[in-house]
Amino acid sequence: MPRTLDPQLKRALADRIRYYNELGIYDFYRRETSVEIGIPEGQPEQREEMPPKAKPVPLDSELFVVPRPEAAISDPVAALRIIREDLGECTRCRLAKQGRKQIVFGVGNPHADLMFIGEAPGADEDFQGQPFVGRAGQLLNNMIKAMGLQREDVYIANIIKCRPPNNRTPERDECETCSPFLMRQIEAIKPKAIVALGAVAAKTLLAINAPMSEFRGHWYDFRGTKLAVTYHPAFLLRDPRQKKEAWKDLQMVMQKLGLEPPKATAT
């Protein structure tokens, strides 16, 4: 039978959960010895041998049943609106005080089958309030068109929603603070496939520290959908030789979604 919690401990846990709710975190999981997220299909997981551990003591159920505000909403448009309102003019991490102009929430089709997730907004994105609108965004648009889609057909977001100073790489704690809102966006949209653009997005989403060469070419099970990894468009601008490799990744995604590239028109 579940153990009855000491009232003082119960209050402390409830306060802690309310604190996480204010951060946008509503889902709580008890970590098991076997973790399936982030394992490529057909590839066995490598683990160190761990000693058996005792089964966790169940806690009072009402303490952990804290539904997300959008949980009962089936319409992704309405759900995304609730998530955006919950995010507010976020001051949950240091980026709020380091020069960001505005929050870059996400853009695109709330009913999209395909979702692209990048690293962080840049200067153009911070100015316009939309992800991928600069040079890297123009290249991403071309990549999407090569797949036979338009930008309006997909949903685009980033791991973090505020521009880091001088476009530096997001810090781990910044990613951890902001990513719960991204996870809620994914849950609201329910895409059939996600493409992580670059190493920061891949490492944050999959919780795996690996080079891009190991990330690419695999499908990963991720929160009820499939996730693939390719190069960030900004990297492709710096090294155009890798565009062929990125196209291979996108072709893998196209095959999964049953997409065909547009036919070339005669001139």
C-alpha atoms as a PDB file:
ATOM      1  CA  MET A   1       0.000   0.000   0.000  1.00  0.00           C
ATOM      2  CA  PRO A   2       1.177   3.570  -0.636  1.00  0.00           C
ATOM      3  CA  ARG A   3       2.965   5.108   2.255  1.00  0.00           C
ATOM      4  CA  THR A   4       1.298   8.109   3.889  1.00  0.00           C
ATOM      5  CA  LEU A   5       3.612  11.095   3.712  1.00  0.00           C
ATOM      6  CA  ASP A   6       4.564  13.128   6.706  1.00  0.00           C
ATOM      7  CA  PRO A   7       2.483  16.370   6.458  1.00  0.00           C
ATOM      8  CA  GLN A   8       5.581  18.554   6.560  1.00  0.00           C
ATOM      9  CA  LEU A   9       7.243  16.582   3.769  1.00  0.00           C
ATOM     10  CA  LYS A  10       4.034  16.651   1.768  1.00  0.00           C
ATOM     11  CA  ARG A  11       3.850  20.449   2.041  1.00  0.00           C
ATOM     12  CA  ALA A  12       7.498  20.740   1.003  1.00  0.00           C
ATOM     13  CA  LEU A  13       6.905  18.545  -2.052  1.00  0.00           C
ATOM     14  CA  ALA A  14       3.784  20.491  -2.976  1.00  0.00           C
ATOM     15  CA  ASP A  15       5.742  23.764  -2.770  1.00  0.00           C
ATOM     16  CA  ARG A  16       8.445  22.281  -4.953  1.00  0.00           C
ATOM     17  CA  ILE A  17       5.912  21.180  -7.572  1.00  0.00           C
ATOM     18  CA  ARG A  18       4.292  24.609  -7.610  1.00  0.00           C
ATOM     19  CA  TYR A  19       7.757  26.058  -8.197  1.00  0.00           C
ATOM     20  CA  TYR A  20       8.275  23.760 -11.198  1.00  0.00           C
ATOM     21  CA  ASN A  21       4.821  24.645 -12.516  1.00  0.00           C
ATOM     22  CA  GLU A  22       5.842  28.293 -12.526  1.00  0.00           C
ATOM     23  CA  LEU A  23       8.795  27.258 -14.699  1.00  0.00           C
ATOM     24  CA  GLY A  24       6.374  25.613 -17.121  1.00  0.00           C
ATOM     25  CA  ILE A  25       7.119  22.053 -15.976  1.00  0.00           C
ATOM     26  CA  TYR A  26       4.018  19.945 -15.397  1.00  0.00           C
ATOM     27  CA  ASP A  27       5.157  16.399 -16.173  1.00  0.00           C
ATOM     28  CA  PHE A  28       7.048  14.425 -13.530  1.00  0.00           C
ATOM     29  CA  TYR A  29       8.579  11.039 -14.143  1.00  0.00           C
ATOM     30  CA  ARG A  30      10.204   8.466 -11.914  1.00  0.00           C
ATOM     31  CA  ARG A  31      13.415   7.470 -13.671  1.00  0.00           C
ATOM     32  CA  GLU A  32      13.689   3.711 -14.230  1.00  0.00           C
ATOM     33  CA  THR A  33      16.801   1.637 -14.787  1.00  0.00           C
ATOM     34  CA  SER A  34      15.882   1.187 -18.446  1.00  0.00           C
ATOM     35  CA  VAL A  35      15.663   4.375 -20.482  1.00  0.00           C
ATOM     36  CA  GLU A  36      14.455   4.070 -24.063  1.00  0.00           C
ATOM     37  CA  ILE A  37      14.457   7.681 -25.188  1.00  0.00           C
ATOM     38  CA  GLY A  38      17.348   8.511 -27.475  1.00  0.00           C
ATOM     39  CA  ILE A  39      18.185   4.981 -28.682  1.00  0.00           C
ATOM     40  CA  PRO A  40      18.437   4.728 -32.476  1.00  0.00           C
ATOM     41  CA  GLU A  41      16.179   2.130 -34.092  1.00  0.00           C
ATOM     42  CA  GLY A  42      17.912  -1.192 -34.491  1.00  0.00           C
ATOM     43  CA  GLN A  43      20.844  -0.171 -32.309  1.00  0.00           C
ATOM     44  CA  PRO A  44      21.274  -1.723 -28.850  1.00  0.00           C
ATOM     45  CA  GLU A  45      21.766   0.639 -25.948  1.00  0.00           C
ATOM     46  CA  GLN A  46      25.125   0.525 -24.200  1.00  0.00           C
ATOM     47  CA  ARG A  47      24.909   0.777 -20.414  1.00  0.00           C
ATOM     48  CA  GLU A  48      27.184   0.196 -17.508  1.00  0.00           C
ATOM     49  CA  GLU A  49      26.079  -2.510 -15.139  1.00  0.00           C
ATOM     50  CA  MET A  50      24.155  -1.010 -12.260  1.00  0.00           C
ATOM     51  CA  PRO A  51      23.308  -2.682  -8.966  1.00  0.00           C
ATOM     52  CA  PRO A  52      19.617  -3.478  -8.502  1.00  0.00           C
ATOM     53  CA  LYS A  53      17.740  -0.794  -6.652  1.00  0.00           C
ATOM     54  CA  ALA A  54      14.704  -0.984  -4.465  1.00  0.00           C
ATOM     55  CA  LYS A  55      11.334  -0.114  -5.939  1.00  0.00           C
ATOM     56  CA  PRO A  56      10.378   3.493  -5.216  1.00  0.00           C
ATOM     57  CA  VAL A  57       7.765   4.055  -2.567  1.00  0.00           C
ATOM     58  CA  PRO A  58       4.557   5.412  -4.188  1.00  0.00           C
ATOM     59  CA  LEU A  59       3.691   8.903  -3.051  1.00  0.00           C
ATOM     60  CA  ASP A  60       0.230  10.299  -2.530  1.00  0.00           C
ATOM     61  CA  SER A  61      -1.264  10.499  -6.024  1.00  0.00           C
ATOM     62  CA  GLU A  62      -2.943  13.877  -5.603  1.00  0.00           C
ATOM     63  CA  LEU A  63       0.444  15.432  -4.939  1.00  0.00           C
ATOM     64  CA  PHE A  64       1.697  14.701  -8.452  1.00  0.00           C
ATOM     65  CA  VAL A  65      -1.445  15.001 -10.570  1.00  0.00           C
ATOM     66  CA  VAL A  66      -0.895  18.552 -11.787  1.00  0.00           C
ATOM     67  CA  PRO A  67      -2.293  18.808 -15.324  1.00  0.00           C
ATOM     68  CA  ARG A  68      -0.776  21.261 -17.757  1.00  0.00           C
ATOM     69  CA  PRO A  69      -3.112  24.190 -18.463  1.00  0.00           C
ATOM     70  CA  GLU A  70      -3.542  23.024 -22.069  1.00  0.00           C
ATOM     71  CA  ALA A  71      -3.935  19.322 -21.241  1.00  0.00           C
ATOM     72  CA  ALA A  72      -7.679  19.233 -21.905  1.00  0.00           C
ATOM     73  CA  ILE A  73      -7.414  21.237 -25.146  1.00  0.00           C
ATOM     74  CA  SER A  74      -7.502  19.173 -28.352  1.00  0.00           C
ATOM     75  CA  ASP A  75      -7.087  22.142 -30.701  1.00  0.00           C
ATOM     76  CA  PRO A  76      -3.336  22.793 -31.133  1.00  0.00           C
ATOM     77  CA  VAL A  77      -3.965  26.456 -32.002  1.00  0.00           C
ATOM     78  CA  ALA A  78      -5.660  27.040 -28.653  1.00  0.00           C
ATOM     79  CA  ALA A  79      -3.105  24.884 -26.823  1.00  0.00           C
ATOM     80  CA  LEU A  80      -0.182  26.866 -28.249  1.00  0.00           C
ATOM     81  CA  ARG A  81      -1.902  30.099 -27.269  1.00  0.00           C
ATOM     82  CA  ILE A  82      -2.187  28.865 -23.672  1.00  0.00           C
ATOM     83  CA  ILE A  83       1.481  27.826 -23.615  1.00  0.00           C
ATOM     84  CA  ARG A  84       2.510  31.227 -24.960  1.00  0.00           C
ATOM     85  CA  GLU A  85       0.438  32.973 -22.301  1.00  0.00           C
ATOM     86  CA  ASP A  86       1.963  30.731 -19.621  1.00  0.00           C
ATOM     87  CA  LEU A  87       5.438  31.644 -20.861  1.00  0.00           C
ATOM     88  CA  GLY A  88       4.595  35.339 -20.576  1.00  0.00           C
ATOM     89  CA  GLU A  89       7.436  37.850 -20.809  1.00  0.00           C
ATOM     90  CA  CYS A  90       9.722  35.234 -19.374  1.00  0.00           C
ATOM     91  CA  THR A  91      12.374  36.165 -16.799  1.00  0.00           C
ATOM     92  CA  ARG A  92      13.166  32.608 -15.692  1.00  0.00           C
ATOM     93  CA  CYS A  93      16.833  32.697 -16.745  1.00  0.00           C
ATOM     94  CA  ARG A  94      19.629  35.230 -17.150  1.00  0.00           C
ATOM     95  CA  LEU A  95      18.898  35.848 -20.840  1.00  0.00           C
ATOM     96  CA  ALA A  96      15.985  38.098 -19.888  1.00  0.00           C
ATOM     97  CA  LYS A  97      18.529  40.610 -18.555  1.00  0.00           C
ATOM     98  CA  GLN A  98      21.198  40.166 -21.217  1.00  0.00           C
ATOM     99  CA  GLY A  99      19.797  42.246 -24.038  1.00  0.00           C
ATOM    100  CA  ARG A 100      17.064  40.170 -25.624  1.00  0.00           C
ATOM    101  CA  LYS A 101      14.419  42.316 -27.331  1.00  0.00           C
ATOM    102  CA  GLN A 102      11.591  39.813 -27.328  1.00  0.00           C
ATOM    103  CA  ILE A 103      10.699  36.154 -26.932  1.00  0.00           C
ATOM    104  CA  VAL A 104      10.788  34.055 -30.113  1.00  0.00           C
ATOM    105  CA  PHE A 105       8.125  31.456 -29.436  1.00  0.00           C
ATOM    106  CA  GLY A 106       7.702  29.541 -32.688  1.00  0.00           C
ATOM    107  CA  VAL A 107       5.968  29.848 -36.031  1.00  0.00           C
ATOM    108  CA  GLY A 108       4.184  27.712 -38.578  1.00  0.00           C
ATOM    109  CA  ASN A 109       1.350  25.248 -38.947  1.00  0.00           C
ATOM    110  CA  PRO A 110       0.003  24.058 -35.560  1.00  0.00           C
ATOM    111  CA  HIS A 111      -1.245  20.914 -37.359  1.00  0.00           C
ATOM    112  CA  ALA A 112       2.128  20.229 -39.000  1.00  0.00           C
ATOM    113  CA  ASP A 113       3.382  16.691 -39.599  1.00  0.00           C
ATOM    114  CA  LEU A 114       6.966  17.983 -39.554  1.00  0.00           C
ATOM    115  CA  MET A 115       8.669  20.171 -36.964  1.00  0.00           C
ATOM    116  CA  PHE A 116      12.134  21.728 -37.156  1.00  0.00           C
ATOM    117  CA  ILE A 117      13.936  22.618 -33.921  1.00  0.00           C
ATOM    118  CA  GLY A 118      17.012  24.818 -33.938  1.00  0.00           C
ATOM    119  CA  GLU A 119      19.331  26.178 -31.288  1.00  0.00           C
ATOM    120  CA  ALA A 120      18.462  29.777 -30.407  1.00  0.00           C
ATOM    121  CA  PRO A 121      17.275  33.016 -31.995  1.00  0.00           C
ATOM    122  CA  GLY A 122      19.825  35.290 -33.618  1.00  0.00           C
ATOM    123  CA  ALA A 123      19.767  39.040 -34.133  1.00  0.00           C
ATOM    124  CA  ASP A 124      17.243  38.956 -37.005  1.00  0.00           C
ATOM    125  CA  GLU A 125      14.985  36.598 -35.098  1.00  0.00           C
ATOM    126  CA  ASP A 126      15.202  38.720 -31.956  1.00  0.00           C
ATOM    127  CA  PHE A 127      14.217  41.775 -33.990  1.00  0.00           C
ATOM    128  CA  GLN A 128      11.321  40.160 -35.895  1.00  0.00           C
ATOM    129  CA  GLY A 129      10.103  37.770 -33.195  1.00  0.00           C
ATOM    130  CA  GLN A 130      10.147  34.697 -35.456  1.00  0.00           C
ATOM    131  CA  PRO A 131      12.660  31.843 -35.724  1.00  0.00           C
ATOM    132  CA  PHE A 132      14.889  31.390 -38.770  1.00  0.00           C
ATOM    133  CA  VAL A 133      14.316  34.649 -40.650  1.00  0.00           C
ATOM    134  CA  GLY A 134      17.954  35.602 -41.335  1.00  0.00           C
ATOM    135  CA  ARG A 135      20.399  34.029 -43.795  1.00  0.00           C
ATOM    136  CA  ALA A 136      20.171  30.667 -42.059  1.00  0.00           C
ATOM    137  CA  GLY A 137      16.390  30.955 -42.235  1.00  0.00           C
ATOM    138  CA  GLN A 138      16.512  31.570 -45.973  1.00  0.00           C
ATOM    139  CA  LEU A 139      18.561  28.413 -46.400  1.00  0.00           C
ATOM    140  CA  LEU A 140      16.124  26.480 -44.189  1.00  0.00           C
ATOM    141  CA  ASN A 141      13.274  27.725 -46.393  1.00  0.00           C
ATOM    142  CA  ASN A 142      15.114  26.354 -49.446  1.00  0.00           C
ATOM    143  CA  MET A 143      15.656  23.031 -47.682  1.00  0.00           C
ATOM    144  CA  ILE A 144      11.942  22.843 -46.896  1.00  0.00           C
ATOM    145  CA  LYS A 145      11.047  23.644 -50.516  1.00  0.00           C
ATOM    146  CA  ALA A 146      13.421  20.938 -51.736  1.00  0.00           C
ATOM    147  CA  MET A 147      11.348  18.495 -49.671  1.00  0.00           C
ATOM    148  CA  GLY A 148       8.221  19.528 -51.579  1.00  0.00           C
ATOM    149  CA  LEU A 149       6.848  21.651 -48.741  1.00  0.00           C
ATOM    150  CA  GLN A 150       6.432  25.320 -47.920  1.00  0.00           C
ATOM    151  CA  ARG A 151       7.505  27.045 -44.721  1.00  0.00           C
ATOM    152  CA  GLU A 152       3.809  27.442 -43.863  1.00  0.00           C
ATOM    153  CA  ASP A 153       3.397  23.640 -43.907  1.00  0.00           C
ATOM    154  CA  VAL A 154       5.817  22.969 -41.042  1.00  0.00           C
ATOM    155  CA  TYR A 155       6.354  24.279 -37.512  1.00  0.00           C
ATOM    156  CA  ILE A 156       9.665  25.868 -36.547  1.00  0.00           C
ATOM    157  CA  ALA A 157      10.977  26.531 -33.042  1.00  0.00           C
ATOM    158  CA  ASN A 158      14.211  26.654 -31.048  1.00  0.00           C
ATOM    159  CA  ILE A 159      15.536  25.012 -27.908  1.00  0.00           C
ATOM    160  CA  ILE A 160      15.600  28.405 -26.189  1.00  0.00           C
ATOM    161  CA  LYS A 161      13.367  31.358 -26.951  1.00  0.00           C
ATOM    162  CA  CYS A 162      15.669  34.302 -26.209  1.00  0.00           C
ATOM    163  CA  ARG A 163      18.762  35.428 -28.096  1.00  0.00           C
ATOM    164  CA  PRO A 164      21.997  34.775 -26.165  1.00  0.00           C
ATOM    165  CA  PRO A 165      24.431  37.717 -26.099  1.00  0.00           C
ATOM    166  CA  ASN A 166      26.527  37.891 -29.280  1.00  0.00           C
ATOM    167  CA  ASN A 167      24.779  34.723 -30.499  1.00  0.00           C
ATOM    168  CA  ARG A 168      26.856  32.586 -28.149  1.00  0.00           C
ATOM    169  CA  THR A 169      25.971  28.923 -27.623  1.00  0.00           C
ATOM    170  CA  PRO A 170      23.187  28.510 -25.041  1.00  0.00           C
ATOM    171  CA  GLU A 171      24.312  27.359 -21.618  1.00  0.00           C
ATOM    172  CA  ARG A 172      23.019  24.068 -20.275  1.00  0.00           C
ATOM    173  CA  ASP A 173      20.943  25.664 -17.518  1.00  0.00           C
ATOM    174  CA  GLU A 174      19.341  28.020 -20.051  1.00  0.00           C
ATOM    175  CA  CYS A 175      18.328  25.042 -22.184  1.00  0.00           C
ATOM    176  CA  GLU A 176      16.968  23.188 -19.172  1.00  0.00           C
ATOM    177  CA  THR A 177      14.939  26.212 -18.066  1.00  0.00           C
ATOM    178  CA  CYS A 178      13.414  26.892 -21.468  1.00  0.00           C
ATOM    179  CA  SER A 179      12.975  23.397 -22.945  1.00  0.00           C
ATOM    180  CA  PRO A 180       9.856  22.453 -20.894  1.00  0.00           C
ATOM    181  CA  PHE A 181       7.894  24.983 -22.951  1.00  0.00           C
ATOM    182  CA  LEU A 182       9.251  23.446 -26.144  1.00  0.00           C
ATOM    183  CA  MET A 183       8.188  19.995 -24.946  1.00  0.00           C
ATOM    184  CA  ARG A 184       4.690  21.347 -24.390  1.00  0.00           C
ATOM    185  CA  GLN A 185       4.698  22.778 -27.909  1.00  0.00           C
ATOM    186  CA  ILE A 186       5.664  19.371 -29.279  1.00  0.00           C
ATOM    187  CA  GLU A 187       2.895  17.723 -27.280  1.00  0.00           C
ATOM    188  CA  ALA A 188       0.344  20.253 -28.583  1.00  0.00           C
ATOM    189  CA  ILE A 189       1.380  19.925 -32.248  1.00  0.00           C
ATOM    190  CA  LYS A 190       1.995  16.156 -32.210  1.00  0.00           C
ATOM    191  CA  PRO A 191       4.162  16.108 -35.364  1.00  0.00           C
ATOM    192  CA  LYS A 192       4.847  12.827 -37.132  1.00  0.00           C
ATOM    193  CA  ALA A 193       8.539  13.720 -37.344  1.00  0.00           C
ATOM    194  CA  ILE A 194      10.968  16.197 -35.798  1.00  0.00           C
ATOM    195  CA  VAL A 195      14.245  17.359 -37.316  1.00  0.00           C
ATOM    196  CA  ALA A 196      16.812  18.609 -34.809  1.00  0.00           C
ATOM    197  CA  LEU A 197      19.030  21.187 -36.480  1.00  0.00           C
ATOM    198  CA  GLY A 198      22.565  21.014 -35.139  1.00  0.00           C
ATOM    199  CA  ALA A 199      24.385  19.538 -32.186  1.00  0.00           C
ATOM    200  CA  VAL A 200      22.895  21.762 -29.463  1.00  0.00           C
ATOM    201  CA  ALA A 201      19.337  20.818 -30.425  1.00  0.00           C
ATOM    202  CA  ALA A 202      20.224  17.134 -30.730  1.00  0.00           C
ATOM    203  CA  LYS A 203      22.102  16.948 -27.430  1.00  0.00           C
ATOM    204  CA  THR A 204      19.385  18.811 -25.526  1.00  0.00           C
ATOM    205  CA  LEU A 205      16.462  16.837 -26.927  1.00  0.00           C
ATOM    206  CA  LEU A 206      18.070  13.402 -26.751  1.00  0.00           C
ATOM    207  CA  ALA A 207      20.212  13.946 -23.638  1.00  0.00           C
ATOM    208  CA  ILE A 208      23.121  12.319 -25.451  1.00  0.00           C
ATOM    209  CA  ASN A 209      26.598  13.829 -25.747  1.00  0.00           C
ATOM    210  CA  ALA A 210      27.807  12.706 -29.150  1.00  0.00           C
ATOM    211  CA  PRO A 211      29.301  14.201 -32.323  1.00  0.00           C
ATOM    212  CA  MET A 212      27.082  14.970 -35.305  1.00  0.00           C
ATOM    213  CA  SER A 213      28.542  12.018 -37.188  1.00  0.00           C
ATOM    214  CA  GLU A 214      26.947   9.681 -34.642  1.00  0.00           C
ATOM    215  CA  PHE A 215      23.647  11.565 -34.407  1.00  0.00           C
ATOM    216  CA  ARG A 216      22.952  11.591 -38.130  1.00  0.00           C
ATOM    217  CA  GLY A 217      21.452   8.751 -40.123  1.00  0.00           C
ATOM    218  CA  HIS A 218      19.252   7.373 -37.322  1.00  0.00           C
ATOM    219  CA  TRP A 219      15.644   7.662 -36.262  1.00  0.00           C
ATOM    220  CA  TYR A 220      15.101   8.185 -32.548  1.00  0.00           C
ATOM    221  CA  ASP A 221      11.952   7.521 -30.550  1.00  0.00           C
ATOM    222  CA  PHE A 222      11.088  10.809 -28.877  1.00  0.00           C
ATOM    223  CA  ARG A 223       7.960  11.665 -26.886  1.00  0.00           C
ATOM    224  CA  GLY A 224       5.627   9.644 -29.082  1.00  0.00           C
ATOM    225  CA  THR A 225       7.132  10.696 -32.397  1.00  0.00           C
ATOM    226  CA  LYS A 226      10.260  10.150 -34.493  1.00  0.00           C
ATOM    227  CA  LEU A 227      13.286  12.432 -34.433  1.00  0.00           C
ATOM    228  CA  ALA A 228      16.136  12.800 -36.919  1.00  0.00           C
ATOM    229  CA  VAL A 229      19.225  15.019 -36.761  1.00  0.00           C
ATOM    230  CA  THR A 230      20.878  17.097 -39.466  1.00  0.00           C
ATOM    231  CA  TYR A 231      23.218  20.054 -39.715  1.00  0.00           C
ATOM    232  CA  HIS A 232      22.115  23.522 -38.659  1.00  0.00           C
ATOM    233  CA  PRO A 233      21.638  25.825 -41.674  1.00  0.00           C
ATOM    234  CA  ALA A 234      24.110  28.309 -40.167  1.00  0.00           C
ATOM    235  CA  PHE A 235      26.763  25.563 -40.241  1.00  0.00           C
ATOM    236  CA  LEU A 236      25.903  24.796 -43.869  1.00  0.00           C
ATOM    237  CA  LEU A 237      26.467  28.461 -44.732  1.00  0.00           C
ATOM    238  CA  ARG A 238      29.956  28.183 -43.235  1.00  0.00           C
ATOM    239  CA  ASP A 239      30.665  24.818 -44.889  1.00  0.00           C
ATOM    240  CA  PRO A 240      28.551  24.378 -48.044  1.00  0.00           C
ATOM    241  CA  ARG A 241      30.298  21.071 -48.769  1.00  0.00           C
ATOM    242  CA  GLN A 242      28.038  19.456 -46.152  1.00  0.00           C
ATOM    243  CA  LYS A 243      24.828  20.370 -47.984  1.00  0.00           C
ATOM    244  CA  LYS A 244      24.871  17.000 -49.774  1.00  0.00           C
ATOM    245  CA  GLU A 245      25.006  15.234 -46.419  1.00  0.00           C
ATOM    246  CA  ALA A 246      22.139  17.352 -45.097  1.00  0.00           C
ATOM    247  CA  TRP A 247      20.116  16.466 -48.192  1.00  0.00           C
ATOM    248  CA  LYS A 248      20.616  12.771 -47.363  1.00  0.00           C
ATOM    249  CA  ASP A 249      19.153  13.435 -43.916  1.00  0.00           C
ATOM    250  CA  LEU A 250      16.175  15.255 -45.392  1.00  0.00           C
ATOM    251  CA  GLN A 251      15.568  12.450 -47.873  1.00  0.00           C
ATOM    252  CA  MET A 252      15.351  10.048 -44.936  1.00  0.00           C
ATOM    253  CA  VAL A 253      12.694  12.321 -43.417  1.00  0.00           C
ATOM    254  CA  MET A 254      10.848  12.560 -46.734  1.00  0.00           C
ATOM    255  CA  GLN A 255      10.728   8.778 -47.007  1.00  0.00           C
ATOM    256  CA  LYS A 256       9.280   8.534 -43.492  1.00  0.00           C
ATOM    257  CA  LEU A 257       6.561  11.098 -44.315  1.00  0.00           C
ATOM    258  CA  GLY A 258       5.867   9.847 -47.849  1.00  0.00           C
ATOM    259  CA  LEU A 259       7.046  13.092 -49.472  1.00  0.00           C
ATOM    260  CA  GLU A 260       8.414  13.517 -52.977  1.00  0.00           C
ATOM    261  CA  PRO A 261      10.575  16.432 -54.158  1.00  0.00           C
ATOM    262  CA  PRO A 262       8.915  18.856 -56.572  1.00  0.00           C
ATOM    263  CA  LYS A 263       9.368  18.044 -60.241  1.00  0.00           C
ATOM    264  CA  ALA A 264      11.670  20.297 -62.174  1.00  0.00           C
ATOM    265  CA  THR A 265       9.839  22.579 -64.585  1.00  0.00           C
ATOM    266  CA  ALA A 266      10.973  22.823 -68.178  1.00  0.00           C
ATOM    267  CA  THR A 267      12.545  26.131 -69.179  1.00  0.00           C
END
